[in-house]
Amino acid sequence: MKRIWKGFVLTLVALVFVFALALSGCTTQSAYVTSIAKTGTNGAEDIYTITYSDGSTDTFTVTNGTDGKDGADASITDIYEAYKEETGSDLAFEDFLAQYLTLNTDMSAAINSSLLSVAKIYAEFVETTTTGGIGGIFGPSFSSSDIAVATGAAVIYSMDTAQDGYTYFVTDYHVIYDDDADAERNNEDGTKIARNVYAYLYGSEGAPAAVDENGDGNADTDENGYTVYNYGSQAIKLEYVGGTITYDIAVLRAETSAVLAINEDAKPVTLASEYHVGETAIAIGNPEGDGLSVTQGIVSTESEYITLSIDSTARSYRSIRIDTALYQGNSGGGLFNKNGELIGITNAGNNTDQNINYAVPLEIVRGTVDSIIYYANDGNDETNGVYRQMLGVTVSTQNSKYVYDSTSGYGNIVEEVVVSSVNEGSVAETMGLQQNDVLTALIIGGTTYTIDRSFDIENYSLTMRPNSLIQFVYERGGEQYTTTEYSVSASTLTAID
């Protein structure tokens, strides 16, 4: 839209074999391996050929099993150990990776698949401009109102293929909100939310054009004197479901039948389970409004706070920083990893440094969007948007450190989250928390979620619904305890603007 975001990531490919390795044959030659490639299969086993620098070859097989060492638990480390055992080699692991494996870093298949889950969107607002004198001192002033069209991007978050089911799109709140909109004229409810929003799927893109039915060169206007735009047969009319300026996320929807009528292969995004520094970050957006396109970079920082003023009020936003190129019009687009899984929604950029851009993190996207969709379908017209359970506890952090996992090849910053204060009469007090308790986990509906960072608590609170049963796991005096159970009620949930 009119806003700008930031860039993304290029990452190293983490190679994981999901099969057991049975090496056949060995070699005593001094030549080094130049490549390992799959050269055949019989269904039960895949055959790989090792090619050496002197032109000689060896083969090994990968058994396609379903569990244990015959299945998804095998990793590159298993392959390395099996290779050493079969060949008698004492080659270091790093040298094995460098000399023996040819890694395929082509991510085009994942990117192309993700194109089925993205859209270009246009949002209409009524803006009023005033020209001429000021207050009559320098002559009369004149006001005129007309449609302003802004553009951005969105992703398909979920799709209900049942009859009359809906497809839900996710974008940034600032894409469908215009602080310059004339609230009184823009919408019947007096808001600055877009009065009309249209989406174009990738490959079926179009653009609005002012209507001129009589061909006189002047745009047609409606009963209010506003310019009428035609979006064409490929456009999908979207309905605003809900949004949050606090997290810069908005949800729109259309009947699934209308989406599939444009492209029967359209599909929702796949959500990643996590993301890490150095991981590939692929942005698909609508830069400069010229159409959906792809840029690539890496995750530079997994958590950083930035300040944005969407409605002339400065707010702090936790964000993923990326070096992926972003431009005006990228707002609301998807940020994907190398597997084509969503890790964020791009929303901000640095006008002076193209290598510093930002996205709303996955866990915030998931928490806010699921909340919006839940309350849109809970049968209660009084509830709408994002709700959080306020716990009434203030925390601080200590002993922050970086922990690296050599098995996965990724690491994370972890910190001790310590209770600074507990509000009187709060949920935290009811559960029994006290100052100086160290919070280690939060149990929601029987599932335990580890608290590694202070912001985890807020993220988890977005997932709480009426009747959710919650408990904290904490340390006090060197011992671990679990609080009493608390049942969330609709009356204790707080609406988030």
Protein backbone atom coordinates (compact mmCIF):
# COMPACT_ATOMS: atom_id res chain seq x y z
CA MET A 1 0.00 0.00 0.00
CA LYS A 2 1.31 3.49 0.82
CA ARG A 3 3.61 2.13 3.42
CA ILE A 4 7.00 0.50 3.27
CA TRP A 5 8.57 -2.65 4.76
CA LYS A 6 11.82 -4.43 5.07
CA GLY A 7 13.81 -7.18 3.60
CA PHE A 8 14.53 -10.83 3.96
CA VAL A 9 17.00 -13.53 4.12
CA LEU A 10 19.21 -16.00 2.30
CA THR A 11 19.93 -19.07 4.35
CA LEU A 12 22.13 -22.09 4.27
CA VAL A 13 20.25 -25.22 3.41
CA ALA A 14 20.04 -27.66 6.32
CA LEU A 15 20.22 -31.09 4.76
CA VAL A 16 18.21 -33.79 6.52
CA PHE A 17 17.73 -37.28 5.13
CA VAL A 18 14.46 -38.88 6.21
CA PHE A 19 15.54 -42.39 5.34
CA ALA A 20 17.89 -44.94 6.85
CA LEU A 21 21.18 -45.34 5.03
CA ALA A 22 22.58 -48.72 4.00
CA LEU A 23 25.94 -48.20 2.32
CA SER A 24 27.01 -50.91 -0.13
CA GLY A 25 30.61 -51.18 -1.15
CA CYS A 26 33.60 -49.18 -0.01
CA THR A 27 36.72 -47.75 -1.53
CA THR A 28 40.34 -47.55 -0.54
CA GLN A 29 41.31 -45.06 -3.18
CA SER A 30 42.81 -41.70 -2.24
CA ALA A 31 40.61 -39.74 -4.64
CA TYR A 32 38.03 -37.48 -3.03
CA VAL A 33 34.30 -37.48 -3.62
CA THR A 34 33.03 -34.88 -6.07
CA SER A 35 29.31 -35.57 -5.79
CA ILE A 36 26.60 -37.80 -4.39
CA ALA A 37 23.45 -38.05 -6.50
CA LYS A 38 20.28 -40.15 -6.60
CA THR A 39 20.55 -42.36 -9.68
CA GLY A 40 17.71 -44.86 -9.32
CA THR A 41 14.90 -46.30 -7.23
CA ASN A 42 12.85 -49.48 -6.96
CA GLY A 43 10.25 -47.94 -4.68
CA ALA A 44 11.45 -49.62 -1.50
CA GLU A 45 14.99 -48.31 -1.88
CA ASP A 46 16.61 -45.29 -3.53
CA ILE A 47 20.02 -45.78 -5.12
CA TYR A 48 22.70 -43.09 -4.78
CA THR A 49 25.96 -42.96 -6.72
CA ILE A 50 29.18 -41.52 -5.31
CA THR A 51 31.45 -40.06 -7.98
CA TYR A 52 35.15 -39.59 -7.17
CA SER A 53 37.64 -37.13 -8.58
CA ASP A 54 39.35 -39.88 -10.60
CA GLY A 55 36.09 -40.85 -12.31
CA SER A 56 35.43 -44.01 -10.29
CA THR A 57 32.10 -44.55 -8.55
CA ASP A 58 30.45 -46.33 -5.64
CA THR A 59 26.80 -46.77 -4.73
CA PHE A 60 24.71 -46.93 -1.60
CA THR A 61 21.00 -47.38 -0.97
CA VAL A 62 18.50 -45.49 1.14
CA THR A 63 15.69 -47.65 2.52
CA ASN A 64 12.32 -45.92 2.48
CA GLY A 65 10.94 -47.07 5.81
CA THR A 66 8.39 -45.62 8.21
CA ASP A 67 9.95 -45.54 11.64
CA GLY A 68 13.14 -45.67 13.66
CA LYS A 69 16.35 -46.08 11.73
CA ASP A 70 14.29 -47.02 8.68
CA GLY A 71 12.35 -43.80 8.68
CA ALA A 72 12.13 -40.14 9.49
CA ASP A 73 14.66 -40.17 12.34
CA ALA A 74 17.75 -40.56 10.13
CA SER A 75 19.79 -37.38 9.75
CA ILE A 76 22.93 -36.25 7.99
CA THR A 77 24.83 -37.22 11.15
CA ASP A 78 23.53 -40.78 10.83
CA ILE A 79 24.66 -40.86 7.21
CA TYR A 80 28.11 -39.58 8.18
CA GLU A 81 28.54 -42.21 10.89
CA ALA A 82 27.29 -44.97 8.59
CA TYR A 83 29.69 -43.82 5.88
CA LYS A 84 32.66 -43.92 8.28
CA GLU A 85 31.70 -47.40 9.43
CA GLU A 86 31.26 -48.77 5.94
CA THR A 87 34.37 -47.17 4.44
CA GLY A 88 36.70 -47.08 7.44
CA SER A 89 37.23 -43.38 6.80
CA ASP A 90 38.29 -41.00 9.58
CA LEU A 91 37.22 -37.91 7.64
CA ALA A 92 36.03 -35.02 9.82
CA PHE A 93 32.32 -34.20 9.66
CA GLU A 94 32.98 -30.71 8.25
CA ASP A 95 35.15 -32.18 5.49
CA PHE A 96 32.48 -34.81 4.78
CA LEU A 97 29.93 -32.05 4.20
CA ALA A 98 32.30 -29.95 2.13
CA GLN A 99 33.74 -32.72 -0.04
CA TYR A 100 31.10 -35.42 -0.22
CA LEU A 101 27.80 -33.67 -0.60
CA THR A 102 26.42 -31.57 -3.39
CA LEU A 103 23.59 -29.53 -1.90
CA ASN A 104 20.68 -28.35 -3.99
CA THR A 105 19.89 -24.80 -2.85
CA ASP A 106 17.33 -24.14 -5.57
CA MET A 107 14.20 -22.97 -3.77
CA SER A 108 12.19 -22.17 -6.87
CA ALA A 109 9.78 -25.07 -6.35
CA ALA A 110 8.83 -23.85 -2.86
CA ILE A 111 8.52 -20.27 -4.09
CA ASN A 112 6.35 -21.25 -7.03
CA SER A 113 4.07 -23.28 -4.77
CA SER A 114 3.70 -20.28 -2.45
CA LEU A 115 2.43 -18.18 -5.36
CA LEU A 116 -0.84 -20.09 -5.09
CA SER A 117 -1.35 -18.51 -1.65
CA VAL A 118 -0.75 -14.80 -2.33
CA ALA A 119 -2.78 -11.89 -3.63
CA LYS A 120 -2.47 -8.28 -4.67
CA ILE A 121 -5.09 -6.08 -3.04
CA TYR A 122 -6.56 -2.63 -3.57
CA ALA A 123 -8.31 -0.64 -0.86
CA GLU A 124 -10.65 2.32 -1.43
CA PHE A 125 -10.99 5.28 0.94
CA VAL A 126 -12.74 8.63 0.81
CA GLU A 127 -10.31 11.49 1.32
CA THR A 128 -11.27 15.18 1.55
CA THR A 129 -8.87 17.89 0.46
CA THR A 130 -9.16 21.62 1.08
CA THR A 131 -7.72 24.28 -1.23
CA GLY A 132 -7.77 28.07 -1.25
CA GLY A 133 -7.68 30.56 1.62
CA ILE A 134 -7.31 29.78 5.29
CA GLY A 135 -10.43 30.52 7.30
CA GLY A 136 -11.49 33.15 4.77
CA ILE A 137 -8.53 35.40 5.60
CA PHE A 138 -6.87 34.86 2.23
CA GLY A 139 -10.03 34.28 0.25
CA PRO A 140 -12.54 31.44 0.23
CA SER A 141 -11.51 27.82 0.72
CA PHE A 142 -12.93 24.86 -1.15
CA SER A 143 -13.24 21.23 -0.07
CA SER A 144 -13.65 18.24 -2.32
CA SER A 145 -13.94 14.56 -1.56
CA ASP A 146 -13.10 11.63 -3.78
CA ILE A 147 -11.89 8.04 -3.76
CA ALA A 148 -8.23 7.33 -2.98
CA VAL A 149 -7.03 3.86 -3.95
CA ALA A 150 -4.14 2.25 -2.08
CA THR A 151 -2.45 -1.05 -2.88
CA GLY A 152 -0.68 -3.77 -0.97
CA ALA A 153 -0.56 -7.55 -0.69
CA ALA A 154 -2.08 -10.39 1.30
CA VAL A 155 -1.83 -14.13 1.87
CA ILE A 156 -4.52 -16.80 1.99
CA TYR A 157 -4.52 -17.92 5.63
CA SER A 158 -7.27 -20.54 5.65
CA MET A 159 -9.85 -21.93 3.27
CA ASP A 160 -13.15 -23.64 4.07
CA THR A 161 -14.14 -25.62 1.00
CA ALA A 162 -17.57 -26.54 2.35
CA GLN A 163 -20.58 -25.05 0.61
CA ASP A 164 -20.84 -21.35 1.49
CA GLY A 165 -17.46 -21.62 3.26
CA TYR A 166 -15.09 -18.67 3.50
CA THR A 167 -11.49 -18.10 2.52
CA TYR A 168 -9.64 -15.81 4.93
CA PHE A 169 -6.94 -13.41 3.74
CA VAL A 170 -4.37 -11.75 6.00
CA THR A 171 -2.70 -8.40 5.40
CA ASP A 172 -1.37 -5.51 7.47
CA TYR A 173 -3.82 -3.31 9.29
CA HIS A 174 -2.23 -0.23 7.78
CA VAL A 175 -3.04 -1.54 4.29
CA ILE A 176 -6.78 -1.34 4.93
CA TYR A 177 -6.61 1.72 7.22
CA ASP A 178 -5.99 5.28 6.00
CA ASP A 179 -5.31 7.95 8.58
CA ASP A 180 -6.04 10.57 5.91
CA ALA A 181 -9.49 9.14 5.24
CA ASP A 182 -12.53 11.33 5.91
CA ALA A 183 -14.16 9.16 8.58
CA GLU A 184 -17.60 10.75 8.24
CA ARG A 185 -17.72 10.14 4.51
CA ASN A 186 -15.60 7.00 4.29
CA ASN A 187 -17.88 4.50 6.02
CA GLU A 188 -21.34 4.40 7.55
CA ASP A 189 -19.77 3.42 10.88
CA GLY A 190 -17.50 6.47 10.82
CA THR A 191 -14.21 4.57 10.63
CA LYS A 192 -11.11 4.95 8.50
CA ILE A 193 -11.19 1.30 7.45
CA ALA A 194 -11.33 0.78 3.67
CA ARG A 195 -14.87 1.05 2.30
CA ASN A 196 -14.06 -1.49 -0.44
CA VAL A 197 -11.25 -4.02 -0.82
CA TYR A 198 -10.50 -6.16 -3.87
CA ALA A 199 -7.99 -8.97 -4.35
CA TYR A 200 -6.24 -10.41 -7.40
CA LEU A 201 -4.62 -13.83 -7.20
CA TYR A 202 -1.16 -14.33 -8.68
CA GLY A 203 -1.40 -14.96 -12.41
CA SER A 204 -4.87 -13.39 -12.58
CA GLU A 205 -3.86 -9.86 -11.75
CA GLY A 206 -5.60 -6.72 -12.86
CA ALA A 207 -5.94 -3.12 -11.73
CA PRO A 208 -8.79 -0.68 -11.13
CA ALA A 209 -9.76 1.68 -13.92
CA ALA A 210 -12.00 4.73 -13.65
CA VAL A 211 -15.30 4.12 -15.42
CA ASP A 212 -16.19 6.33 -18.39
CA GLU A 213 -19.29 4.77 -19.91
CA ASN A 214 -20.14 7.61 -22.30
CA GLY A 215 -16.57 8.04 -23.47
CA ASP A 216 -16.43 11.78 -22.83
CA GLY A 217 -13.03 11.57 -21.13
CA ASN A 218 -14.46 12.27 -17.67
CA ALA A 219 -14.69 9.58 -14.99
CA ASP A 220 -18.19 8.56 -13.95
CA THR A 221 -19.23 9.39 -10.40
CA ASP A 222 -21.71 7.87 -7.95
CA GLU A 223 -24.51 9.59 -6.05
CA ASN A 224 -21.94 11.16 -3.71
CA GLY A 225 -19.84 12.52 -6.55
CA TYR A 226 -17.07 9.99 -5.98
CA THR A 227 -15.17 8.41 -8.87
CA VAL A 228 -16.41 4.95 -9.83
CA TYR A 229 -13.78 2.27 -10.48
CA ASN A 230 -14.09 -0.98 -12.37
CA TYR A 231 -11.91 -3.84 -11.08
CA GLY A 232 -12.71 -6.36 -13.79
CA SER A 233 -13.85 -9.96 -13.75
CA GLN A 234 -10.67 -11.28 -12.13
CA ALA A 235 -11.12 -9.20 -8.96
CA ILE A 236 -12.38 -10.84 -5.77
CA LYS A 237 -14.44 -8.58 -3.50
CA LEU A 238 -13.26 -8.93 0.10
CA GLU A 239 -15.14 -8.29 3.31
CA TYR A 240 -13.36 -6.80 6.34
CA VAL A 241 -13.54 -9.27 9.24
CA GLY A 242 -11.43 -7.60 11.90
CA GLY A 243 -8.05 -6.16 12.69
CA THR A 244 -5.67 -4.78 15.28
CA ILE A 245 -3.64 -1.63 15.00
CA THR A 246 -1.68 -2.81 18.06
CA TYR A 247 -0.18 -5.68 16.07
CA ASP A 248 -0.70 -4.31 12.52
CA ILE A 249 -2.73 -7.29 11.33
CA ALA A 250 -6.06 -7.40 9.51
CA VAL A 251 -8.25 -10.23 8.26
CA LEU A 252 -10.51 -10.14 5.20
CA ARG A 253 -12.61 -12.83 3.62
CA ALA A 254 -14.48 -13.93 0.51
CA GLU A 255 -16.59 -16.94 -0.27
CA THR A 256 -14.31 -19.81 -1.18
CA SER A 257 -16.32 -20.48 -4.32
CA ALA A 258 -15.43 -16.99 -5.58
CA VAL A 259 -11.73 -17.63 -4.96
CA LEU A 260 -11.70 -21.04 -6.61
CA ALA A 261 -13.63 -19.66 -9.57
CA ILE A 262 -10.52 -17.60 -10.37
CA ASN A 263 -8.00 -20.37 -9.67
CA GLU A 264 -9.13 -23.83 -8.59
CA ASP A 265 -5.61 -24.51 -7.27
CA ALA A 266 -5.53 -21.57 -4.86
CA LYS A 267 -4.58 -22.77 -1.39
CA PRO A 268 -3.82 -21.47 2.11
CA VAL A 269 -0.27 -20.91 3.28
CA THR A 270 1.53 -23.50 5.38
CA LEU A 271 2.64 -22.04 8.70
CA ALA A 272 6.20 -22.72 9.79
CA SER A 273 6.79 -24.11 13.26
CA GLU A 274 9.64 -21.69 13.97
CA TYR A 275 12.21 -19.39 12.39
CA HIS A 276 15.84 -18.55 13.10
CA VAL A 277 18.54 -16.00 12.41
CA GLY A 278 20.23 -16.74 9.10
CA GLU A 279 17.23 -18.60 7.74
CA THR A 280 16.07 -17.84 4.23
CA ALA A 281 13.42 -15.11 4.08
CA ILE A 282 11.47 -14.84 0.83
CA ALA A 283 9.06 -11.93 0.42
CA ILE A 284 6.16 -12.10 -2.00
CA GLY A 285 4.42 -8.75 -2.30
CA ASN A 286 3.26 -6.01 -4.61
CA PRO A 287 6.19 -3.55 -4.83
CA GLU A 288 5.23 -0.14 -6.16
CA GLY A 289 1.84 -1.62 -7.07
CA ASP A 290 3.34 -3.14 -10.21
CA GLY A 291 2.24 -6.69 -9.45
CA LEU A 292 3.17 -9.63 -7.27
CA SER A 293 6.87 -10.43 -7.30
CA VAL A 294 9.52 -12.17 -5.23
CA THR A 295 12.61 -10.97 -3.36
CA GLN A 296 14.93 -13.00 -1.18
CA GLY A 297 17.20 -12.46 1.80
CA ILE A 298 17.76 -13.80 5.31
CA VAL A 299 16.43 -13.28 8.81
CA SER A 300 18.83 -10.75 10.29
CA THR A 301 17.34 -10.57 13.80
CA GLU A 302 14.54 -12.77 15.08
CA SER A 303 13.16 -10.16 17.47
CA GLU A 304 13.52 -6.39 17.39
CA TYR A 305 11.26 -3.56 18.50
CA ILE A 306 10.48 -0.78 16.05
CA THR A 307 8.25 2.28 16.24
CA LEU A 308 5.46 2.85 13.72
CA SER A 309 2.80 5.56 13.52
CA ILE A 310 -0.15 4.08 11.67
CA ASP A 311 -2.73 6.54 13.01
CA SER A 312 -0.40 9.39 14.07
CA THR A 313 0.17 7.61 17.36
CA ALA A 314 3.64 6.11 17.86
CA ARG A 315 3.51 2.47 18.93
CA SER A 316 6.17 -0.14 19.56
CA TYR A 317 6.02 -3.31 17.45
CA ARG A 318 8.00 -6.49 17.93
CA SER A 319 9.29 -7.50 14.52
CA ILE A 320 11.51 -9.85 12.58
CA ARG A 321 14.31 -7.89 10.92
CA ILE A 322 15.26 -9.10 7.46
CA ASP A 323 17.57 -7.97 4.68
CA THR A 324 15.11 -9.00 1.96
CA ALA A 325 14.34 -6.09 -0.33
CA LEU A 326 10.95 -4.46 0.33
CA TYR A 327 9.28 -1.51 -1.34
CA GLN A 328 6.09 0.48 -1.09
CA GLY A 329 3.31 -1.95 -1.92
CA ASN A 330 5.01 -4.92 -0.22
CA SER A 331 2.91 -4.32 2.90
CA GLY A 332 0.77 -7.27 3.87
CA GLY A 333 2.72 -9.74 1.76
CA GLY A 334 4.00 -13.08 2.98
CA LEU A 335 7.46 -13.80 4.32
CA PHE A 336 8.39 -17.42 3.62
CA ASN A 337 11.24 -19.75 4.51
CA LYS A 338 13.11 -21.96 2.05
CA ASN A 339 10.36 -24.59 2.31
CA GLY A 340 7.67 -22.12 1.31
CA GLU A 341 6.28 -21.95 4.86
CA LEU A 342 5.02 -18.64 6.25
CA ILE A 343 7.19 -17.05 8.94
CA GLY A 344 5.73 -13.53 8.95
CA ILE A 345 3.82 -10.74 7.22
CA THR A 346 6.00 -7.94 5.82
CA ASN A 347 5.06 -4.54 7.17
CA ALA A 348 7.86 -1.98 7.45
CA GLY A 349 11.07 -0.78 5.88
CA ASN A 350 13.86 1.69 6.20
CA ASN A 351 13.82 4.41 3.55
CA THR A 352 17.54 5.06 3.96
CA ASP A 353 18.83 1.49 4.17
CA GLN A 354 17.33 -1.15 1.89
CA ASN A 355 19.01 -3.93 3.87
CA ILE A 356 16.93 -3.24 6.98
CA ASN A 357 13.30 -4.29 6.67
CA TYR A 358 10.70 -5.84 8.95
CA ALA A 359 7.86 -8.32 9.24
CA VAL A 360 5.22 -9.18 11.82
CA PRO A 361 6.49 -12.42 13.44
CA LEU A 362 4.75 -15.73 12.83
CA GLU A 363 3.55 -16.22 16.40
CA ILE A 364 1.87 -12.79 16.44
CA VAL A 365 0.29 -13.43 13.04
CA ARG A 366 -1.05 -16.78 14.18
CA GLY A 367 -2.30 -15.52 17.55
CA THR A 368 -4.06 -12.43 16.23
CA VAL A 369 -5.54 -14.01 13.10
CA ASP A 370 -6.88 -17.06 14.93
CA SER A 371 -8.47 -14.73 17.48
CA ILE A 372 -10.11 -12.59 14.80
CA ILE A 373 -11.50 -15.61 12.98
CA TYR A 374 -12.68 -17.24 16.22
CA TYR A 375 -14.67 -14.22 17.39
CA ALA A 376 -16.05 -13.61 13.91
CA ASN A 377 -17.64 -17.04 14.10
CA ASP A 378 -18.53 -17.39 17.79
CA GLY A 379 -22.16 -16.42 17.25
CA ASN A 380 -21.83 -13.30 19.42
CA ASP A 381 -22.19 -10.01 17.55
CA GLU A 382 -20.74 -8.19 20.55
CA THR A 383 -17.32 -9.79 20.16
CA ASN A 384 -15.05 -8.87 17.29
CA GLY A 385 -11.32 -8.67 16.73
CA VAL A 386 -8.43 -9.65 18.99
CA TYR A 387 -8.74 -10.58 22.66
CA ARG A 388 -6.06 -11.31 25.23
CA GLN A 389 -6.12 -12.65 28.74
CA MET A 390 -4.42 -10.03 30.92
CA LEU A 391 -2.52 -11.90 33.61
CA GLY A 392 -1.65 -9.01 35.91
CA VAL A 393 2.03 -9.82 36.21
CA THR A 394 5.04 -7.63 35.40
CA VAL A 395 8.25 -9.44 34.51
CA SER A 396 11.91 -8.67 33.99
CA THR A 397 14.69 -10.75 32.46
CA GLN A 398 18.10 -11.93 33.59
CA ASN A 399 20.92 -14.26 32.53
CA SER A 400 20.18 -13.90 28.83
CA LYS A 401 22.35 -16.07 26.59
CA TYR A 402 22.54 -17.65 23.15
CA VAL A 403 22.06 -21.42 23.03
CA TYR A 404 23.20 -23.29 19.91
CA ASP A 405 21.83 -26.70 18.90
CA SER A 406 24.44 -28.51 16.78
CA THR A 407 21.92 -31.15 15.71
CA SER A 408 19.52 -28.70 14.06
CA GLY A 409 22.19 -26.18 13.16
CA TYR A 410 20.16 -23.36 14.71
CA GLY A 411 20.26 -21.48 17.98
CA ASN A 412 18.07 -19.21 20.06
CA ILE A 413 18.45 -16.56 22.71
CA VAL A 414 17.04 -17.72 26.03
CA GLU A 415 16.59 -15.74 29.24
CA GLU A 416 15.20 -16.16 32.72
CA VAL A 417 11.80 -14.47 33.02
CA VAL A 418 11.37 -13.22 36.57
CA VAL A 419 8.23 -11.85 38.24
CA SER A 420 8.81 -8.22 39.19
CA SER A 421 5.34 -7.56 40.61
CA VAL A 422 1.89 -9.10 40.80
CA ASN A 423 -1.21 -6.90 40.60
CA GLU A 424 -3.63 -7.19 43.47
CA GLY A 425 -6.71 -9.17 42.53
CA SER A 426 -5.16 -10.29 39.23
CA VAL A 427 -5.15 -13.69 37.57
CA ALA A 428 -1.49 -14.09 38.53
CA GLU A 429 -2.29 -13.47 42.20
CA THR A 430 -5.21 -15.89 42.07
CA MET A 431 -2.87 -18.54 40.64
CA GLY A 432 -0.38 -17.96 43.46
CA LEU A 433 2.54 -16.25 41.75
CA GLN A 434 4.85 -14.07 43.83
CA GLN A 435 7.61 -11.56 43.25
CA ASN A 436 10.95 -13.17 42.22
CA ASP A 437 9.33 -16.35 40.89
CA VAL A 438 11.07 -17.52 37.71
CA LEU A 439 8.49 -18.43 35.06
CA THR A 440 9.55 -21.44 33.00
CA ALA A 441 6.40 -22.58 31.21
CA LEU A 442 2.72 -21.89 30.63
CA ILE A 443 0.19 -24.72 30.41
CA ILE A 444 -2.85 -24.01 28.23
CA GLY A 445 -5.50 -26.68 27.86
CA GLY A 446 -3.08 -29.38 28.98
CA THR A 447 -0.31 -28.41 26.53
CA THR A 448 2.92 -27.08 28.01
CA TYR A 449 4.62 -24.13 26.29
CA THR A 450 8.16 -23.24 27.35
CA ILE A 451 8.82 -19.61 28.33
CA ASP A 452 12.24 -18.75 26.90
CA ARG A 453 11.68 -15.03 26.33
CA SER A 454 9.54 -12.45 28.15
CA PHE A 455 7.41 -11.82 25.06
CA ASP A 456 6.37 -15.50 24.99
CA ILE A 457 3.81 -14.76 27.69
CA GLU A 458 2.03 -12.16 25.56
CA ASN A 459 2.16 -14.44 22.52
CA TYR A 460 0.58 -17.30 24.43
CA SER A 461 -2.07 -15.04 25.95
CA LEU A 462 -3.37 -14.36 22.42
CA THR A 463 -4.26 -18.05 22.12
CA MET A 464 -6.44 -18.17 25.25
CA ARG A 465 -10.19 -18.48 24.73
CA PRO A 466 -13.21 -18.61 27.06
CA ASN A 467 -12.97 -21.76 29.24
CA SER A 468 -9.26 -22.26 28.53
CA LEU A 469 -7.58 -23.81 31.58
CA ILE A 470 -4.19 -22.24 32.29
CA GLN A 471 -1.33 -22.79 34.75
CA PHE A 472 2.19 -21.43 35.19
CA VAL A 473 5.23 -23.59 35.87
CA TYR A 474 7.73 -21.63 37.97
CA GLU A 475 10.81 -21.89 40.15
CA ARG A 476 10.92 -20.54 43.70
CA GLY A 477 13.81 -21.03 46.08
CA GLY A 478 15.46 -23.50 43.73
CA GLU A 479 12.38 -25.74 43.56
CA GLN A 480 9.91 -26.12 40.69
CA TYR A 481 6.18 -25.69 41.21
CA THR A 482 2.97 -25.48 39.21
CA THR A 483 0.31 -22.89 40.05
CA THR A 484 -3.32 -23.66 40.68
CA GLU A 485 -5.45 -23.93 37.58
CA TYR A 486 -7.32 -20.88 36.30
CA SER A 487 -10.30 -21.00 33.96
CA VAL A 488 -10.43 -18.13 31.46
CA SER A 489 -13.84 -16.52 31.09
CA ALA A 490 -15.17 -14.17 28.44
CA SER A 491 -15.47 -11.43 31.06
CA THR A 492 -11.74 -11.52 31.85
CA LEU A 493 -10.58 -11.27 28.24
CA THR A 494 -9.55 -7.80 27.05
CA ALA A 495 -10.24 -6.49 23.54
CA ILE A 496 -7.09 -5.25 21.79
CA ASP A 497 -7.46 -2.31 19.39
